[in-house]
Structure formats: C-alpha cells, structure tokens
Amino acid sequence: MDFLNKFVLGMALLRFFSGSLEILAGLIMLKFNDLNKALLVNSTLALIGPLILMITTAVGLVGISDSLSFSKLAWIITGVLFIFIGLKG
C-alpha cells in the first residue's frame, strides 16, 4: 500500500488551513457587515497569505533538498525572494 509523502501531506494541510481561513474571513465580513471591519479582516489575510506561502515552500524545499544541488536550491530561494520583493512594491 502506498502512503502519502509526509512533505506533500504537510503542504496540502497548510493549503487547506489557508483556504479555511479565507472562507472564515469571508463569513466574518458578512457577519459584521461593516466596511471598516471588512478591510481590517482583509488586511490581516494579506499578512497571513505570504506567511503560508513561505512555510509551504519551505516544507517542499526540505522535502526535495536531498535531490537538489546547492546551486539549484539557491536559485529557487532567490526566485521566492524575488516574488516577495515584487509583491512588496
């Protein structure tokens, strides 16, 4: 019997968690029915989203680190950093 790769499982669970937070945030916005509170909830999600991305990417990189050379791993990390730099501006 094949079992799930623990790194894939971890990444998937993080994404399920992130998606659940998004749905919960939408419900909270509807419950309060207030634009200021909705913007606050949305801003909080904007902080959590990149954190989930970084953690999920880190889990994946740890999972494949034994099959990647150091230079390829450095290029991947550089690419992720460029994504965050691009999102910041």
N, C-alpha and C. Protein backbone atom coordinates (compact mmCIF):
# COMPACT_ATOMS: atom_id res chain seq x y z
N MET A 1 0.84 -1.18 0.00
CA MET A 1 0.00 0.00 0.00
C MET A 1 0.89 1.24 0.00
N ASP A 2 0.56 2.19 -0.87
CA ASP A 2 1.33 3.43 -0.93
C ASP A 2 0.78 4.43 0.08
N PHE A 3 1.70 5.06 0.78
CA PHE A 3 1.32 6.07 1.75
C PHE A 3 1.65 7.44 1.19
N LEU A 4 0.97 8.45 1.69
CA LEU A 4 1.23 9.81 1.25
C LEU A 4 2.61 10.25 1.70
N ASN A 5 3.27 10.97 0.83
CA ASN A 5 4.54 11.57 1.19
C ASN A 5 4.28 12.59 2.29
N LYS A 6 5.07 12.56 3.36
CA LYS A 6 4.80 13.44 4.50
C LYS A 6 4.97 14.91 4.15
N PHE A 7 5.83 15.21 3.20
CA PHE A 7 6.01 16.61 2.79
C PHE A 7 4.81 17.09 1.97
N VAL A 8 4.32 16.24 1.09
CA VAL A 8 3.13 16.58 0.30
C VAL A 8 1.93 16.75 1.23
N LEU A 9 1.80 15.86 2.19
CA LEU A 9 0.71 15.95 3.16
C LEU A 9 0.80 17.26 3.94
N GLY A 10 1.99 17.62 4.39
CA GLY A 10 2.17 18.86 5.13
C GLY A 10 1.81 20.08 4.30
N MET A 11 2.25 20.08 3.03
CA MET A 11 1.93 21.20 2.14
C MET A 11 0.43 21.29 1.90
N ALA A 12 -0.21 20.16 1.67
CA ALA A 12 -1.65 20.14 1.43
C ALA A 12 -2.42 20.62 2.66
N LEU A 13 -2.01 20.18 3.83
CA LEU A 13 -2.70 20.60 5.05
C LEU A 13 -2.55 22.10 5.27
N LEU A 14 -1.39 22.65 4.97
CA LEU A 14 -1.20 24.10 5.08
C LEU A 14 -2.13 24.84 4.13
N ARG A 15 -2.29 24.33 2.92
CA ARG A 15 -3.18 24.96 1.94
C ARG A 15 -4.65 24.82 2.34
N PHE A 16 -5.03 23.67 2.91
CA PHE A 16 -6.39 23.52 3.43
C PHE A 16 -6.64 24.52 4.55
N PHE A 17 -5.66 24.68 5.42
CA PHE A 17 -5.76 25.65 6.51
C PHE A 17 -5.92 27.07 5.97
N SER A 18 -5.09 27.40 4.98
CA SER A 18 -5.15 28.73 4.38
C SER A 18 -6.51 28.97 3.72
N GLY A 19 -7.00 28.00 2.99
CA GLY A 19 -8.30 28.13 2.35
C GLY A 19 -9.43 28.27 3.36
N SER A 20 -9.32 27.54 4.45
CA SER A 20 -10.32 27.63 5.51
C SER A 20 -10.32 29.02 6.14
N LEU A 21 -9.13 29.59 6.31
CA LEU A 21 -9.04 30.96 6.83
C LEU A 21 -9.71 31.95 5.89
N GLU A 22 -9.52 31.75 4.59
CA GLU A 22 -10.14 32.64 3.60
C GLU A 22 -11.67 32.58 3.69
N ILE A 23 -12.21 31.37 3.79
CA ILE A 23 -13.66 31.21 3.90
C ILE A 23 -14.16 31.81 5.21
N LEU A 24 -13.44 31.56 6.29
CA LEU A 24 -13.82 32.11 7.59
C LEU A 24 -13.79 33.64 7.55
N ALA A 25 -12.80 34.20 6.90
CA ALA A 25 -12.71 35.66 6.79
C ALA A 25 -13.90 36.22 6.03
N GLY A 26 -14.29 35.55 4.96
CA GLY A 26 -15.47 35.99 4.20
C GLY A 26 -16.73 35.96 5.05
N LEU A 27 -16.87 34.92 5.84
CA LEU A 27 -18.04 34.82 6.72
C LEU A 27 -18.03 35.90 7.79
N ILE A 28 -16.85 36.19 8.32
CA ILE A 28 -16.72 37.25 9.33
C ILE A 28 -17.10 38.60 8.72
N MET A 29 -16.66 38.85 7.49
CA MET A 29 -17.01 40.10 6.82
C MET A 29 -18.52 40.22 6.67
N LEU A 30 -19.15 39.13 6.26
CA LEU A 30 -20.61 39.16 6.10
C LEU A 30 -21.33 39.35 7.43
N LYS A 31 -20.81 38.71 8.47
CA LYS A 31 -21.44 38.81 9.79
C LYS A 31 -21.42 40.24 10.31
N PHE A 32 -20.25 40.91 10.22
CA PHE A 32 -20.15 42.27 10.74
C PHE A 32 -20.80 43.29 9.82
N ASN A 33 -20.84 43.01 8.51
CA ASN A 33 -21.48 43.90 7.55
C ASN A 33 -21.03 45.35 7.72
N ASP A 34 -19.72 45.53 7.95
CA ASP A 34 -19.15 46.86 8.16
C ASP A 34 -17.89 46.97 7.30
N LEU A 35 -17.82 48.02 6.49
CA LEU A 35 -16.71 48.17 5.57
C LEU A 35 -15.37 48.29 6.28
N ASN A 36 -15.31 49.04 7.37
CA ASN A 36 -14.05 49.20 8.11
C ASN A 36 -13.55 47.86 8.67
N LYS A 37 -14.46 47.09 9.23
CA LYS A 37 -14.08 45.79 9.77
C LYS A 37 -13.70 44.82 8.65
N ALA A 38 -14.39 44.90 7.52
CA ALA A 38 -14.06 44.04 6.38
C ALA A 38 -12.65 44.34 5.86
N LEU A 39 -12.30 45.62 5.81
CA LEU A 39 -10.95 45.99 5.39
C LEU A 39 -9.89 45.51 6.38
N LEU A 40 -10.23 45.55 7.65
CA LEU A 40 -9.30 45.05 8.68
C LEU A 40 -9.08 43.55 8.52
N VAL A 41 -10.16 42.81 8.31
CA VAL A 41 -10.05 41.37 8.11
C VAL A 41 -9.25 41.07 6.85
N ASN A 42 -9.52 41.81 5.78
CA ASN A 42 -8.80 41.62 4.53
C ASN A 42 -7.31 41.92 4.69
N SER A 43 -6.99 42.96 5.43
CA SER A 43 -5.58 43.32 5.67
C SER A 43 -4.87 42.23 6.47
N THR A 44 -5.58 41.64 7.39
CA THR A 44 -4.99 40.54 8.17
C THR A 44 -4.67 39.36 7.26
N LEU A 45 -5.59 39.06 6.33
CA LEU A 45 -5.34 37.98 5.38
C LEU A 45 -4.14 38.28 4.49
N ALA A 46 -3.96 39.56 4.16
CA ALA A 46 -2.82 39.95 3.33
C ALA A 46 -1.50 39.69 4.03
N LEU A 47 -1.49 39.70 5.35
CA LEU A 47 -0.29 39.38 6.11
C LEU A 47 -0.09 37.87 6.24
N ILE A 48 -1.18 37.15 6.38
CA ILE A 48 -1.10 35.70 6.59
C ILE A 48 -0.76 34.96 5.30
N GLY A 49 -1.28 35.43 4.16
CA GLY A 49 -1.07 34.75 2.88
C GLY A 49 0.39 34.51 2.53
N PRO A 50 1.22 35.56 2.55
CA PRO A 50 2.64 35.35 2.25
C PRO A 50 3.34 34.43 3.25
N LEU A 51 2.91 34.48 4.49
CA LEU A 51 3.49 33.59 5.50
C LEU A 51 3.20 32.13 5.17
N ILE A 52 1.96 31.85 4.78
CA ILE A 52 1.59 30.49 4.38
C ILE A 52 2.40 30.06 3.16
N LEU A 53 2.56 30.99 2.19
CA LEU A 53 3.37 30.70 1.01
C LEU A 53 4.80 30.33 1.39
N MET A 54 5.40 31.10 2.28
CA MET A 54 6.79 30.83 2.69
C MET A 54 6.91 29.49 3.40
N ILE A 55 5.98 29.21 4.29
CA ILE A 55 6.05 27.96 5.04
C ILE A 55 5.83 26.76 4.12
N THR A 56 4.84 26.86 3.23
CA THR A 56 4.56 25.77 2.30
C THR A 56 5.76 25.52 1.38
N THR A 57 6.35 26.60 0.88
CA THR A 57 7.53 26.47 0.02
C THR A 57 8.69 25.85 0.80
N ALA A 58 8.86 26.27 2.04
CA ALA A 58 9.95 25.72 2.86
C ALA A 58 9.77 24.22 3.08
N VAL A 59 8.54 23.80 3.35
CA VAL A 59 8.27 22.37 3.55
C VAL A 59 8.62 21.60 2.27
N GLY A 60 8.20 22.13 1.12
CA GLY A 60 8.51 21.48 -0.14
C GLY A 60 10.01 21.42 -0.42
N LEU A 61 10.70 22.51 -0.13
CA LEU A 61 12.15 22.54 -0.36
C LEU A 61 12.89 21.56 0.54
N VAL A 62 12.43 21.46 1.78
CA VAL A 62 13.05 20.48 2.69
C VAL A 62 12.84 19.08 2.14
N GLY A 63 11.66 18.85 1.57
CA GLY A 63 11.34 17.53 1.02
C GLY A 63 12.20 17.14 -0.16
N ILE A 64 12.58 18.12 -0.99
CA ILE A 64 13.39 17.78 -2.17
C ILE A 64 14.86 18.17 -2.02
N SER A 65 15.25 18.65 -0.86
CA SER A 65 16.61 19.14 -0.68
C SER A 65 17.67 18.06 -0.89
N ASP A 66 17.33 16.81 -0.62
CA ASP A 66 18.33 15.75 -0.81
C ASP A 66 18.56 15.44 -2.29
N SER A 67 17.63 15.82 -3.16
CA SER A 67 17.80 15.53 -4.58
C SER A 67 18.20 16.76 -5.40
N LEU A 68 18.40 17.90 -4.73
CA LEU A 68 18.81 19.12 -5.42
C LEU A 68 20.24 19.49 -5.06
N SER A 69 20.92 20.06 -6.03
CA SER A 69 22.25 20.59 -5.73
C SER A 69 22.09 21.91 -4.99
N PHE A 70 23.15 22.33 -4.33
CA PHE A 70 23.09 23.58 -3.58
C PHE A 70 22.80 24.76 -4.49
N SER A 71 23.37 24.76 -5.69
CA SER A 71 23.15 25.89 -6.60
C SER A 71 21.69 25.97 -7.06
N LYS A 72 21.07 24.83 -7.33
CA LYS A 72 19.65 24.85 -7.72
C LYS A 72 18.77 25.31 -6.56
N LEU A 73 19.10 24.87 -5.36
CA LEU A 73 18.36 25.29 -4.18
C LEU A 73 18.50 26.81 -3.98
N ALA A 74 19.69 27.33 -4.21
CA ALA A 74 19.92 28.77 -4.10
C ALA A 74 19.10 29.54 -5.13
N TRP A 75 18.99 29.02 -6.36
CA TRP A 75 18.18 29.67 -7.39
C TRP A 75 16.71 29.68 -7.01
N ILE A 76 16.22 28.60 -6.45
CA ILE A 76 14.82 28.53 -6.03
C ILE A 76 14.55 29.54 -4.92
N ILE A 77 15.42 29.59 -3.93
CA ILE A 77 15.26 30.55 -2.83
C ILE A 77 15.32 31.98 -3.35
N THR A 78 16.23 32.24 -4.29
CA THR A 78 16.32 33.57 -4.90
C THR A 78 15.02 33.93 -5.62
N GLY A 79 14.45 32.97 -6.34
CA GLY A 79 13.19 33.20 -7.04
C GLY A 79 12.05 33.54 -6.08
N VAL A 80 11.98 32.82 -4.98
CA VAL A 80 10.94 33.09 -3.98
C VAL A 80 11.15 34.49 -3.39
N LEU A 81 12.39 34.86 -3.13
CA LEU A 81 12.67 36.20 -2.62
C LEU A 81 12.24 37.27 -3.62
N PHE A 82 12.47 37.03 -4.90
CA PHE A 82 12.04 37.98 -5.93
C PHE A 82 10.51 38.12 -5.95
N ILE A 83 9.81 37.03 -5.71
CA ILE A 83 8.35 37.10 -5.65
C ILE A 83 7.93 38.04 -4.53
N PHE A 84 8.55 37.89 -3.36
CA PHE A 84 8.18 38.75 -2.24
C PHE A 84 8.59 40.20 -2.45
N ILE A 85 9.71 40.42 -3.09
CA ILE A 85 10.12 41.79 -3.42
C ILE A 85 9.12 42.41 -4.38
N GLY A 86 8.68 41.64 -5.37
CA GLY A 86 7.70 42.12 -6.33
C GLY A 86 6.35 42.42 -5.69
N LEU A 87 5.96 41.61 -4.74
CA LEU A 87 4.67 41.83 -4.07
C LEU A 87 4.71 43.03 -3.13
N LYS A 88 5.88 43.31 -2.61
CA LYS A 88 6.04 44.41 -1.65
C LYS A 88 5.80 45.76 -2.31
N GLY A 89 6.32 45.97 -3.52
CA GLY A 89 6.28 47.28 -4.16
C GLY A 89 5.01 47.49 -4.86
